[in-house]
Amino acid sequence: MVRSARKTPVWIALILALGLVAAACGGDDDEPGSGQTSGPTSVEPGGDFSLQICEPEFLVPQNDNETCGGQVLQSLFTPLVQYDVETSEPANVVASDISTDDQTTWTITLNAGWTFHDGSPVNAQSFVDAWNWAANASNAAGNNYFFANIEGYDELNPTEGDADPEATLSGLEVVDDLTFTATLTAPFSQFALTVGYNAFYPLPPAFFEDPEGFNEQPIGNGPYMMDGVWEHDQFIKVTKFPDYAGTPGNADNIEFRIYSDPDVAYTDVQAGNLDIADVPDAQIEQGRTDFGDAFIETPSSVFQYIGFPLSDERFQSPELRQAFSLAIDREAVIEAVFFNTRTPARSLISPVVAGSREDACQYCAFDPELAAQKLEEAGGWEGPLKFWFNSDGGHETWVEAVSNMWRQNLGIQEIQFESSEFADYLGSLDAGDVDGPFRLGWVMDYPSPQNYLEPLHACEGSSNNTGYCNEEVDALIAEGNAAASIDEGIDSYLAAEDIILEDMPIIPTWFGLNQSVHSDRITNVQIDAFSFIRVADVQVVASE
């Protein structure tokens, strides 16, 4: 759809008056800070460095599903497959082979010689025991749902009564010390891609003896091992594992320093007290200048969206939802609020994933005339509108900007904000208490279009917060899952995406970018599409 000419929205003038608009971030890929660091070439083996994280939720990989804990776990564990830092393509690491004849029964063969930090072997039982523990409802693992497509999951997660804590997945079988099989409930061509996620990490026997103690000082099979216990709200220290079976890390020691305020972390890098930190949005412009080649900007899999509670009859009309999307000038918000640190979303699938399309969404272009027409077709809007978001994520400014666009372009004058801290906010969504548009984000678990569609939009999707359900969409996703290969499934996934975008249960808003800065003490700082620093690759610069 041709994008209509646009006038300067009223809300931009308001933000200008408040002094929130910075100069546009010009330049091209040849300018400093547009990619990974080149840095000095003189480096010494070993050395220490530090980086910013927030307080993790857990350090048991089957429990943790947020990025702060995930950053630490990447140093402590090595999975069956790892994703390439630039392409996100999976490559076998602990696994020597993952194969199937029918996309349903998968055989996983391990490389010999891998051990945990306590010397116990990494074998087939290490994976089967870990997956069984996570899949059993009695353990309340945060990543339990990742095992829902393995045979026997329903028996471990009864809808009534308690699960048998000793029960295991009937679909998992140890064949020999280095081989096990996983039988799925239906064909799933993406299975080999998913097992790089931390839910599928192995666990040593020591975990099952003391899960709570393990959470404070995990024993993994990765390039680094814990150096003391997790000092909550302060730091987590790791040191190089001398018997690591893979390519060893470069630095000898790493400190994951825990910050509650990202601005403080950024200032600490400026002062030489920290080596790596994220860049707050308000510092992007100056950060490019101040840090030069030590300012890193790379693509991210982060996807932000506005959802609709479809159980509310006021949001039943697709035309109404389309109108809300058409009324948003994404480029203007990104420039004025985010200092050009986002890219407009016109797809449900991140550009870092195979199959993503730049203009899949015909209702994601700014077109206030068509927005008004769609709203009229839907019967208009009467009464106040509540806009929901979490209060601890810095969302207030863009929420206000989008609300002003809805006021100006749709004539909805009474827009009320409902916000709470993230945990309470998710509780409101789960309880069905949200009665207006709501913001959420998504970071891929594994690089597949399926991961952006099925969890969020399938009728029984694990993260379906809108209540959207379209049997044709589910059938197309299942068709993609059953394809002979990942690539052969893409067309089915894209057909499902087309239907979702027409129905518009969510408004795609923007995709994220990673921005970090680092001190001159280190080089070879790389950020992957999951927004993780590849800490094992970081090199400490030789002291003069």
Protein backbone atom coordinates (compact mmCIF):
# COMPACT_ATOMS: atom_id res chain seq x y z
CA MET A 1 0.00 0.00 0.00
CA VAL A 2 1.32 3.43 -0.93
CA ARG A 3 2.15 5.46 2.12
CA SER A 4 0.28 8.75 2.24
CA ALA A 5 2.01 12.08 2.67
CA ARG A 6 2.08 13.05 6.30
CA LYS A 7 1.88 16.29 8.19
CA THR A 8 3.91 16.85 11.33
CA PRO A 9 1.80 15.31 14.12
CA VAL A 10 0.80 17.49 17.05
CA TRP A 11 2.55 15.19 19.53
CA ILE A 12 5.98 15.83 17.99
CA ALA A 13 5.57 19.51 18.73
CA LEU A 14 4.73 18.57 22.30
CA ILE A 15 7.83 16.43 22.65
CA LEU A 16 9.95 19.16 21.10
CA ALA A 17 8.59 21.55 23.68
CA LEU A 18 9.64 19.14 26.38
CA GLY A 19 13.15 18.99 24.98
CA LEU A 20 13.06 15.26 24.21
CA VAL A 21 13.97 15.30 20.52
CA ALA A 22 17.62 14.83 19.61
CA ALA A 23 19.20 15.47 16.23
CA ALA A 24 18.75 12.65 13.76
CA CYS A 25 21.42 9.96 13.86
CA GLY A 26 22.80 10.16 10.33
CA GLY A 27 25.57 8.19 8.70
CA ASP A 28 26.04 4.83 7.07
CA ASP A 29 27.68 1.49 7.79
CA ASP A 30 31.14 2.91 7.26
CA GLU A 31 30.90 5.19 10.26
CA PRO A 32 32.27 4.19 13.69
CA GLY A 33 29.89 2.23 15.84
CA SER A 34 27.92 0.64 12.99
CA GLY A 35 29.02 -2.89 13.70
CA GLN A 36 31.29 -5.11 15.76
CA THR A 37 34.47 -3.70 17.15
CA SER A 38 37.79 -3.99 15.38
CA GLY A 39 39.86 -2.76 18.31
CA PRO A 40 43.59 -3.10 18.99
CA THR A 41 45.21 -6.29 17.74
CA SER A 42 47.65 -6.63 20.65
CA VAL A 43 45.97 -8.83 23.24
CA GLU A 44 47.22 -10.99 26.03
CA PRO A 45 45.90 -14.44 26.89
CA GLY A 46 43.83 -14.38 30.05
CA GLY A 47 43.03 -11.26 31.98
CA ASP A 48 39.79 -10.17 33.64
CA PHE A 49 36.84 -8.05 32.54
CA SER A 50 33.40 -7.04 33.80
CA LEU A 51 30.00 -6.46 32.22
CA GLN A 52 26.59 -5.19 33.22
CA ILE A 53 23.61 -7.44 33.84
CA CYS A 54 20.42 -7.06 35.86
CA GLU A 55 19.49 -9.37 38.73
CA PRO A 56 18.71 -12.79 37.19
CA GLU A 57 15.49 -14.56 38.04
CA PHE A 58 17.15 -17.99 38.23
CA LEU A 59 20.41 -19.70 37.38
CA VAL A 60 18.85 -23.12 36.85
CA PRO A 61 18.60 -23.19 33.04
CA GLN A 62 15.28 -25.04 33.00
CA ASN A 63 13.79 -22.26 35.15
CA ASP A 64 15.30 -19.13 33.66
CA ASN A 65 13.61 -17.47 30.69
CA GLU A 66 14.91 -13.90 30.84
CA THR A 67 18.03 -12.38 29.34
CA CYS A 68 19.98 -11.46 32.47
CA GLY A 69 20.13 -15.02 33.75
CA GLY A 70 20.56 -16.24 30.19
CA GLN A 71 23.69 -14.10 29.78
CA VAL A 72 25.34 -15.83 32.75
CA LEU A 73 24.13 -19.29 31.76
CA GLN A 74 25.75 -18.92 28.32
CA SER A 75 29.13 -18.85 30.02
CA LEU A 76 28.39 -21.75 32.39
CA PHE A 77 26.78 -24.20 29.95
CA THR A 78 27.36 -25.45 26.41
CA PRO A 79 24.28 -26.81 24.61
CA LEU A 80 23.71 -29.45 21.98
CA VAL A 81 23.86 -26.75 19.29
CA GLN A 82 25.03 -23.15 19.31
CA TYR A 83 23.86 -20.32 17.07
CA ASP A 84 26.28 -18.41 14.85
CA VAL A 85 26.87 -14.90 16.19
CA GLU A 86 26.20 -13.27 12.80
CA THR A 87 23.74 -15.59 11.01
CA SER A 88 22.08 -17.37 13.99
CA GLU A 89 22.49 -20.63 12.07
CA PRO A 90 22.79 -23.63 14.43
CA ALA A 91 25.93 -25.77 14.57
CA ASN A 92 26.44 -28.97 16.54
CA VAL A 93 28.67 -28.61 19.61
CA VAL A 94 27.94 -31.13 22.36
CA ALA A 95 25.85 -33.00 19.78
CA SER A 96 27.66 -34.78 16.99
CA ASP A 97 24.43 -35.53 15.13
CA ILE A 98 20.70 -34.77 15.42
CA SER A 99 18.70 -36.70 12.86
CA THR A 100 15.23 -37.95 11.99
CA ASP A 101 13.51 -39.88 9.24
CA ASP A 102 10.01 -38.60 9.90
CA GLN A 103 10.33 -35.29 11.86
CA THR A 104 8.75 -37.10 14.81
CA THR A 105 11.35 -39.47 16.27
CA TRP A 106 14.69 -37.71 16.68
CA THR A 107 18.00 -39.37 17.49
CA ILE A 108 20.56 -37.23 19.33
CA THR A 109 24.15 -38.46 19.38
CA LEU A 110 26.70 -36.72 21.61
CA ASN A 111 30.39 -36.08 21.23
CA ALA A 112 32.54 -37.95 23.74
CA GLY A 113 34.76 -36.22 26.27
CA TRP A 114 32.46 -33.54 27.66
CA THR A 115 32.35 -33.15 31.45
CA PHE A 116 30.66 -30.94 33.99
CA HIS A 117 32.68 -28.62 36.20
CA ASP A 118 32.62 -31.18 39.02
CA GLY A 119 34.14 -33.86 36.77
CA SER A 120 30.96 -35.87 36.20
CA PRO A 121 30.41 -36.88 32.55
CA VAL A 122 28.02 -35.19 30.16
CA ASN A 123 26.09 -38.10 28.68
CA ALA A 124 22.69 -39.01 27.32
CA GLN A 125 21.32 -39.42 30.84
CA SER A 126 22.37 -35.82 31.65
CA PHE A 127 19.99 -34.51 29.01
CA VAL A 128 17.15 -36.97 29.59
CA ASP A 129 17.16 -36.34 33.35
CA ALA A 130 17.20 -32.57 32.85
CA TRP A 131 14.34 -32.63 30.33
CA ASN A 132 12.26 -34.96 32.49
CA TRP A 133 12.72 -32.70 35.51
CA ALA A 134 11.66 -29.62 33.54
CA ALA A 135 8.65 -31.35 31.98
CA ASN A 136 7.22 -32.60 35.30
CA ALA A 137 4.66 -30.13 36.65
CA SER A 138 5.61 -30.95 40.23
CA ASN A 139 8.86 -29.03 39.73
CA ALA A 140 7.13 -25.87 38.43
CA ALA A 141 9.94 -25.19 35.98
CA GLY A 142 9.63 -21.90 34.17
CA ASN A 143 10.49 -23.55 30.85
CA ASN A 144 8.18 -26.51 31.32
CA TYR A 145 6.16 -25.73 28.18
CA PHE A 146 9.14 -26.28 25.88
CA PHE A 147 8.64 -30.01 26.36
CA ALA A 148 4.92 -30.03 25.56
CA ASN A 149 5.48 -31.64 22.15
CA ILE A 150 7.32 -34.68 23.57
CA GLU A 151 5.29 -37.85 24.11
CA GLY A 152 4.15 -38.25 27.72
CA TYR A 153 4.00 -34.54 28.56
CA ASP A 154 0.27 -34.56 29.27
CA GLU A 155 0.67 -37.32 31.86
CA LEU A 156 3.28 -35.17 33.66
CA ASN A 157 0.99 -32.13 33.53
CA PRO A 158 -2.52 -33.30 34.47
CA THR A 159 -5.36 -30.82 34.26
CA GLU A 160 -6.69 -32.17 37.56
CA GLY A 161 -4.77 -33.39 40.58
CA ASP A 162 -1.03 -33.41 41.19
CA ALA A 163 1.65 -34.83 38.94
CA ASP A 164 3.64 -37.85 40.08
CA PRO A 165 7.06 -36.35 40.91
CA GLU A 166 8.75 -39.59 39.80
CA ALA A 167 7.01 -39.74 36.41
CA THR A 168 9.07 -39.25 33.24
CA LEU A 169 8.43 -38.48 29.60
CA SER A 170 7.56 -41.65 27.69
CA GLY A 171 8.99 -40.03 24.56
CA LEU A 172 12.56 -39.90 25.91
CA GLU A 173 14.78 -42.97 25.82
CA VAL A 174 18.47 -43.44 26.57
CA VAL A 175 19.93 -45.73 23.89
CA ASP A 176 23.50 -45.79 25.14
CA ASP A 177 25.91 -43.50 26.96
CA LEU A 178 26.12 -41.04 24.07
CA THR A 179 22.75 -41.53 22.36
CA PHE A 180 19.14 -40.81 23.24
CA THR A 181 15.90 -40.43 21.31
CA ALA A 182 13.03 -37.97 21.59
CA THR A 183 9.64 -38.95 20.17
CA LEU A 184 7.31 -36.04 19.55
CA THR A 185 3.52 -35.94 19.55
CA ALA A 186 3.51 -34.62 15.97
CA PRO A 187 6.08 -33.91 13.25
CA PHE A 188 8.18 -30.82 14.02
CA SER A 189 10.91 -29.91 11.54
CA GLN A 190 12.25 -27.17 13.86
CA PHE A 191 13.20 -29.53 16.69
CA ALA A 192 16.95 -29.55 15.98
CA LEU A 193 16.86 -25.75 15.95
CA THR A 194 15.17 -25.44 19.34
CA VAL A 195 17.65 -27.46 21.41
CA GLY A 196 20.17 -24.62 21.64
CA TYR A 197 17.85 -22.82 24.05
CA ASN A 198 18.75 -23.04 27.75
CA ALA A 199 15.63 -25.08 28.60
CA PHE A 200 17.41 -27.99 26.88
CA TYR A 201 20.77 -27.71 28.69
CA PRO A 202 22.09 -30.83 30.48
CA LEU A 203 22.20 -31.11 34.27
CA PRO A 204 24.68 -33.06 36.43
CA PRO A 205 23.66 -35.49 39.19
CA ALA A 206 24.58 -32.81 41.76
CA PHE A 207 21.58 -30.73 40.66
CA PHE A 208 19.05 -33.37 41.70
CA GLU A 209 20.67 -33.70 45.12
CA ASP A 210 20.18 -30.00 45.93
CA PRO A 211 18.28 -27.91 43.34
CA GLU A 212 18.11 -24.84 45.58
CA GLY A 213 21.83 -24.89 46.31
CA PHE A 214 22.54 -25.46 42.62
CA ASN A 215 20.66 -22.27 41.77
CA GLU A 216 23.13 -20.30 43.90
CA GLN A 217 26.25 -21.97 42.44
CA PRO A 218 25.43 -23.84 39.22
CA ILE A 219 27.63 -26.64 37.91
CA GLY A 220 27.64 -26.55 34.13
CA ASN A 221 29.65 -27.87 31.20
CA GLY A 222 30.57 -24.50 29.70
CA PRO A 223 33.84 -22.61 29.19
CA TYR A 224 33.51 -20.91 32.59
CA MET A 225 32.66 -22.20 36.06
CA MET A 226 31.32 -20.39 39.11
CA ASP A 227 33.89 -18.58 41.25
CA GLY A 228 31.96 -18.50 44.50
CA VAL A 229 28.23 -18.20 44.98
CA TRP A 230 25.80 -15.78 43.35
CA GLU A 231 25.95 -12.57 45.39
CA HIS A 232 22.42 -11.34 44.84
CA ASP A 233 22.02 -7.75 43.63
CA GLN A 234 25.81 -7.42 43.57
CA PHE A 235 27.68 -9.74 41.21
CA ILE A 236 28.27 -13.22 39.80
CA LYS A 237 31.88 -14.21 39.17
CA VAL A 238 33.10 -16.98 36.89
CA THR A 239 36.53 -18.35 36.09
CA LYS A 240 37.86 -20.35 33.16
CA PHE A 241 37.11 -24.10 33.31
CA PRO A 242 40.49 -25.81 32.71
CA ASP A 243 39.01 -29.07 31.39
CA TYR A 244 36.56 -27.55 28.94
CA ALA A 245 36.04 -29.85 25.94
CA GLY A 246 35.32 -27.06 23.46
CA THR A 247 37.19 -23.93 22.39
CA PRO A 248 38.27 -22.25 25.63
CA GLY A 249 37.32 -18.70 26.53
CA ASN A 250 39.88 -15.95 26.09
CA ALA A 251 39.69 -14.21 29.47
CA ASP A 252 40.62 -15.94 32.73
CA ASN A 253 37.89 -14.36 34.84
CA ILE A 254 34.61 -12.53 34.23
CA GLU A 255 32.48 -10.54 36.63
CA PHE A 256 28.80 -10.13 35.81
CA ARG A 257 28.06 -6.98 37.78
CA ILE A 258 24.41 -6.49 38.70
CA TYR A 259 22.84 -3.05 38.16
CA SER A 260 19.31 -1.86 38.78
CA ASP A 261 19.91 1.40 36.89
CA PRO A 262 21.33 1.17 33.33
CA ASP A 263 22.40 4.81 33.46
CA VAL A 264 24.74 4.03 36.35
CA ALA A 265 26.30 1.16 34.42
CA TYR A 266 26.86 3.36 31.39
CA THR A 267 28.49 6.03 33.56
CA ASP A 268 30.73 3.37 35.11
CA VAL A 269 32.08 2.44 31.66
CA GLN A 270 32.77 6.11 30.99
CA ALA A 271 34.65 6.33 34.31
CA GLY A 272 36.67 3.15 33.66
CA ASN A 273 34.97 1.17 36.42
CA LEU A 274 33.15 -1.32 34.13
CA ASP A 275 34.07 -2.84 30.78
CA ILE A 276 30.75 -3.49 28.97
CA ALA A 277 27.32 -1.88 29.36
CA ASP A 278 24.12 -1.33 27.42
CA VAL A 279 23.50 2.18 26.14
CA PRO A 280 20.43 3.99 27.53
CA ASP A 281 18.29 5.46 24.74
CA ALA A 282 19.00 9.02 25.82
CA GLN A 283 22.76 8.41 25.50
CA ILE A 284 22.75 6.89 22.00
CA GLU A 285 23.58 10.09 20.15
CA GLN A 286 26.43 11.13 22.43
CA GLY A 287 27.61 7.55 22.87
CA ARG A 288 28.36 7.19 19.17
CA THR A 289 30.64 10.22 19.41
CA ASP A 290 32.23 9.49 22.78
CA PHE A 291 33.03 5.82 22.19
CA GLY A 292 33.68 5.66 18.44
CA ASP A 293 34.61 2.07 17.52
CA ALA A 294 33.78 0.97 21.07
CA PHE A 295 30.12 1.76 20.40
CA ILE A 296 28.53 -1.43 19.04
CA GLU A 297 25.20 -1.60 17.23
CA THR A 298 23.90 -4.89 15.83
CA PRO A 299 20.55 -6.39 14.81
CA SER A 300 18.41 -7.83 17.59
CA SER A 301 15.57 -10.34 17.59
CA VAL A 302 13.52 -8.12 19.94
CA PHE A 303 9.98 -7.52 18.67
CA GLN A 304 7.66 -5.02 20.35
CA TYR A 305 3.92 -5.00 19.82
CA ILE A 306 0.57 -3.73 21.09
CA GLY A 307 -1.98 -6.46 21.74
CA PHE A 308 -5.77 -6.40 21.99
CA PRO A 309 -7.84 -8.34 24.56
CA LEU A 310 -10.13 -10.11 22.10
CA SER A 311 -12.38 -11.37 24.87
CA ASP A 312 -13.60 -7.76 25.12
CA GLU A 313 -16.38 -7.34 22.54
CA ARG A 314 -15.28 -3.76 21.84
CA PHE A 315 -12.16 -5.13 20.10
CA GLN A 316 -13.86 -7.87 18.06
CA SER A 317 -13.73 -5.96 14.77
CA PRO A 318 -10.57 -6.50 12.66
CA GLU A 319 -11.28 -3.15 10.99
CA LEU A 320 -11.07 -1.39 14.35
CA ARG A 321 -7.75 -3.07 15.13
CA GLN A 322 -6.45 -2.17 11.67
CA ALA A 323 -7.46 1.44 12.27
CA PHE A 324 -5.43 1.62 15.47
CA SER A 325 -2.36 0.35 13.59
CA LEU A 326 -2.76 2.65 10.58
CA ALA A 327 -2.98 5.65 12.92
CA ILE A 328 0.55 5.11 14.28
CA ASP A 329 3.49 6.86 12.61
CA ARG A 330 6.20 4.39 13.59
CA GLU A 331 9.06 6.31 11.98
CA ALA A 332 8.17 9.47 13.85
CA VAL A 333 8.06 7.68 17.21
CA ILE A 334 11.35 5.93 16.53
CA GLU A 335 13.05 9.20 15.60
CA ALA A 336 11.66 11.39 18.35
CA VAL A 337 11.37 8.95 21.25
CA PHE A 338 13.94 6.24 20.54
CA PHE A 339 16.63 8.33 18.80
CA ASN A 340 16.59 5.99 15.80
CA THR A 341 17.45 2.94 17.90
CA ARG A 342 14.56 0.83 16.55
CA THR A 343 13.34 -0.21 13.11
CA PRO A 344 9.64 -0.08 12.12
CA ALA A 345 7.90 -3.46 12.23
CA ARG A 346 5.87 -4.37 9.18
CA SER A 347 6.01 -8.06 9.86
CA LEU A 348 5.48 -10.41 12.80
CA ILE A 349 8.85 -12.04 12.19
CA SER A 350 12.16 -10.39 13.02
CA PRO A 351 14.53 -9.51 10.14
CA VAL A 352 17.20 -11.68 11.78
CA VAL A 353 15.13 -14.81 11.02
CA ALA A 354 14.85 -16.62 7.68
CA GLY A 355 11.51 -15.89 6.02
CA SER A 356 11.06 -12.38 7.39
CA ARG A 357 9.51 -9.94 4.91
CA GLU A 358 9.97 -6.17 4.99
CA ASP A 359 6.39 -5.25 4.06
CA ALA A 360 4.21 -8.20 4.98
CA CYS A 361 1.77 -5.96 6.86
CA GLN A 362 -0.45 -3.72 4.72
CA TYR A 363 -1.91 -2.05 7.82
CA CYS A 364 1.45 -1.08 9.34
CA ALA A 365 2.08 1.97 7.14
CA PHE A 366 1.04 5.35 8.53
CA ASP A 367 -2.19 6.31 6.76
CA PRO A 368 -4.49 8.48 8.92
CA GLU A 369 -7.13 8.80 6.17
CA LEU A 370 -7.48 5.04 5.82
CA ALA A 371 -7.35 4.70 9.61
CA ALA A 372 -10.37 6.98 9.96
CA GLN A 373 -12.18 5.05 7.22
CA LYS A 374 -11.50 1.71 8.91
CA LEU A 375 -12.70 3.05 12.24
CA GLU A 376 -15.94 4.20 10.62
CA GLU A 377 -16.39 0.77 9.01
CA ALA A 378 -15.99 -0.77 12.48
CA GLY A 379 -18.74 1.45 13.89
CA GLY A 380 -16.43 3.97 15.57
CA TRP A 381 -15.34 4.12 19.19
CA GLU A 382 -17.32 5.37 22.14
CA GLY A 383 -16.16 6.10 25.66
CA PRO A 384 -12.72 6.06 27.27
CA LEU A 385 -9.85 3.82 26.11
CA LYS A 386 -7.41 2.23 28.54
CA PHE A 387 -3.81 1.69 27.38
CA TRP A 388 -1.90 -0.87 29.47
CA PHE A 389 1.88 -1.17 29.92
CA ASN A 390 4.42 -2.12 32.57
CA SER A 391 5.74 0.81 34.59
CA ASP A 392 9.32 -0.42 35.03
CA GLY A 393 10.40 -0.51 31.37
CA GLY A 394 10.67 3.14 30.38
CA HIS A 395 7.56 3.00 28.15
CA GLU A 396 5.75 6.14 29.27
CA THR A 397 7.04 8.49 26.55
CA TRP A 398 6.24 6.32 23.55
CA VAL A 399 2.90 5.29 25.02
CA GLU A 400 2.01 8.97 25.33
CA ALA A 401 3.18 9.57 21.75
CA VAL A 402 1.08 6.73 20.34
CA SER A 403 -1.91 7.85 22.43
CA ASN A 404 -1.66 11.34 20.99
CA MET A 405 -1.69 9.83 17.49
CA TRP A 406 -4.87 7.93 18.31
CA ARG A 407 -6.38 11.14 19.68
CA GLN A 408 -5.41 13.12 16.59
CA ASN A 409 -6.07 10.52 13.87
CA LEU A 410 -8.96 8.53 15.36
CA GLY A 411 -10.65 11.18 17.49
CA ILE A 412 -10.41 9.10 20.68
CA GLN A 413 -9.82 11.86 23.20
CA GLU A 414 -10.16 10.09 26.54
CA ILE A 415 -7.22 7.67 26.83
CA GLN A 416 -6.31 6.45 30.30
CA PHE A 417 -3.04 4.76 31.28
CA GLU A 418 -2.96 1.59 33.36
CA SER A 419 0.51 0.52 34.50
CA SER A 420 2.17 -1.66 37.10
CA GLU A 421 5.50 -3.40 37.63
CA PHE A 422 6.20 -6.19 35.19
CA ALA A 423 5.41 -9.17 37.41
CA ASP A 424 2.07 -7.65 38.45
CA TYR A 425 1.40 -6.59 34.86
CA LEU A 426 1.85 -10.15 33.59
CA GLY A 427 -0.44 -11.30 36.39
CA SER A 428 -3.14 -8.92 35.15
CA LEU A 429 -2.78 -10.31 31.63
CA ASP A 430 -2.94 -13.90 32.85
CA ALA A 431 -6.01 -13.14 34.96
CA GLY A 432 -7.83 -11.51 32.05
CA ASP A 433 -8.06 -8.18 33.83
CA VAL A 434 -6.63 -6.13 30.95
CA ASP A 435 -9.46 -4.29 29.17
CA GLY A 436 -7.61 -2.25 26.55
CA PRO A 437 -4.61 -2.26 24.21
CA PHE A 438 -1.47 -3.54 25.97
CA ARG A 439 2.25 -3.53 25.17
CA LEU A 440 4.47 -6.58 25.19
CA GLY A 441 7.76 -7.66 23.68
CA TRP A 442 9.24 -10.89 22.39
CA VAL A 443 12.83 -12.13 22.07
CA MET A 444 13.27 -15.27 20.03
CA ASP A 445 14.10 -18.50 21.84
CA TYR A 446 15.51 -19.97 18.64
CA PRO A 447 15.86 -18.55 15.12
CA SER A 448 12.69 -19.72 13.39
CA PRO A 449 9.57 -17.98 12.05
CA GLN A 450 7.60 -20.61 13.97
CA ASN A 451 8.89 -19.12 17.24
CA TYR A 452 7.27 -15.75 16.37
CA LEU A 453 3.94 -17.31 15.38
CA GLU A 454 2.95 -20.41 17.33
CA PRO A 455 3.66 -19.24 20.91
CA LEU A 456 1.96 -15.88 20.36
CA HIS A 457 -0.89 -16.69 17.97
CA ALA A 458 -1.81 -20.38 18.03
CA CYS A 459 -5.07 -21.15 19.83
CA GLU A 460 -3.13 -22.88 22.61
CA GLY A 461 0.03 -20.77 22.27
CA SER A 462 2.13 -20.61 25.44
CA SER A 463 2.37 -16.79 25.21
CA ASN A 464 -0.96 -16.01 23.54
CA ASN A 465 -2.12 -13.05 25.62
CA THR A 466 -4.75 -11.78 23.17
CA GLY A 467 -7.01 -14.83 23.11
CA TYR A 468 -6.69 -14.97 19.32
CA CYS A 469 -7.69 -18.30 17.78
CA ASN A 470 -7.94 -19.11 14.08
CA GLU A 471 -8.06 -22.77 13.11
CA GLU A 472 -6.70 -22.01 9.63
CA VAL A 473 -3.65 -20.38 11.22
CA ASP A 474 -3.11 -23.39 13.48
CA ALA A 475 -3.37 -25.74 10.49
CA LEU A 476 -0.80 -23.77 8.50
CA ILE A 477 1.61 -23.67 11.44
CA ALA A 478 1.18 -27.42 11.87
CA GLU A 479 1.86 -27.82 8.14
CA GLY A 480 5.09 -25.85 8.51
CA ASN A 481 6.07 -27.88 11.55
CA ALA A 482 5.57 -31.12 9.61
CA ALA A 483 7.57 -30.03 6.56
CA ALA A 484 10.52 -32.14 5.48
CA SER A 485 12.95 -29.37 6.45
CA ILE A 486 13.01 -25.97 8.10
CA ASP A 487 13.28 -24.19 4.73
CA GLU A 488 10.39 -26.18 3.25
CA GLY A 489 8.16 -25.09 6.12
CA ILE A 490 8.66 -21.35 5.62
CA ASP A 491 5.93 -20.88 2.99
CA SER A 492 3.36 -22.38 5.36
CA TYR A 493 4.47 -20.11 8.19
CA LEU A 494 4.27 -17.05 5.94
CA ALA A 495 0.76 -18.02 4.84
CA ALA A 496 -0.20 -18.17 8.51
CA GLU A 497 1.42 -14.78 9.08
CA ASP A 498 -0.64 -13.25 6.27
CA ILE A 499 -3.87 -14.33 7.95
CA ILE A 500 -2.76 -13.08 11.36
CA LEU A 501 -1.79 -9.70 9.93
CA GLU A 502 -5.20 -9.40 8.25
CA ASP A 503 -6.95 -10.31 11.51
CA MET A 504 -4.50 -8.07 13.45
CA PRO A 505 -4.82 -9.37 17.03
CA ILE A 506 -1.65 -7.39 17.67
CA ILE A 507 -0.10 -4.25 16.20
CA PRO A 508 3.55 -4.77 15.20
CA THR A 509 5.38 -1.62 16.29
CA TRP A 510 9.17 -1.98 16.04
CA PHE A 511 12.13 -4.32 16.06
CA GLY A 512 15.04 -3.67 18.36
CA LEU A 513 18.74 -3.05 17.88
CA ASN A 514 21.51 -3.98 20.30
CA GLN A 515 23.59 -1.04 21.49
CA SER A 516 26.51 -1.49 23.86
CA VAL A 517 29.74 0.28 24.68
CA HIS A 518 32.97 -1.08 26.06
CA SER A 519 36.16 0.16 27.63
CA ASP A 520 39.52 0.31 25.87
CA ARG A 521 40.73 -2.58 28.06
CA ILE A 522 39.00 -5.14 25.86
CA THR A 523 38.32 -5.95 22.22
CA ASN A 524 36.44 -8.50 20.09
CA VAL A 525 33.14 -7.68 21.78
CA GLN A 526 30.32 -9.33 19.82
CA ILE A 527 26.56 -9.27 20.41
CA ASP A 528 24.28 -11.91 18.91
CA ALA A 529 20.67 -11.60 17.80
CA PHE A 530 19.50 -12.86 21.20
CA SER A 531 21.11 -9.71 22.70
CA PHE A 532 23.82 -11.72 24.46
CA ILE A 533 27.46 -10.64 24.70
CA ARG A 534 29.58 -13.58 23.53
CA VAL A 535 31.75 -13.40 26.65
CA ALA A 536 34.05 -16.31 25.75
CA ASP A 537 35.20 -14.38 22.66
CA VAL A 538 36.07 -11.14 24.48
CA GLN A 539 39.80 -10.44 24.60
CA VAL A 540 41.64 -8.39 27.18
CA VAL A 541 43.97 -5.84 25.60
CA ALA A 542 47.63 -6.21 26.50
CA SER A 543 48.74 -3.69 29.10
CA GLU A 544 51.59 -1.40 28.13
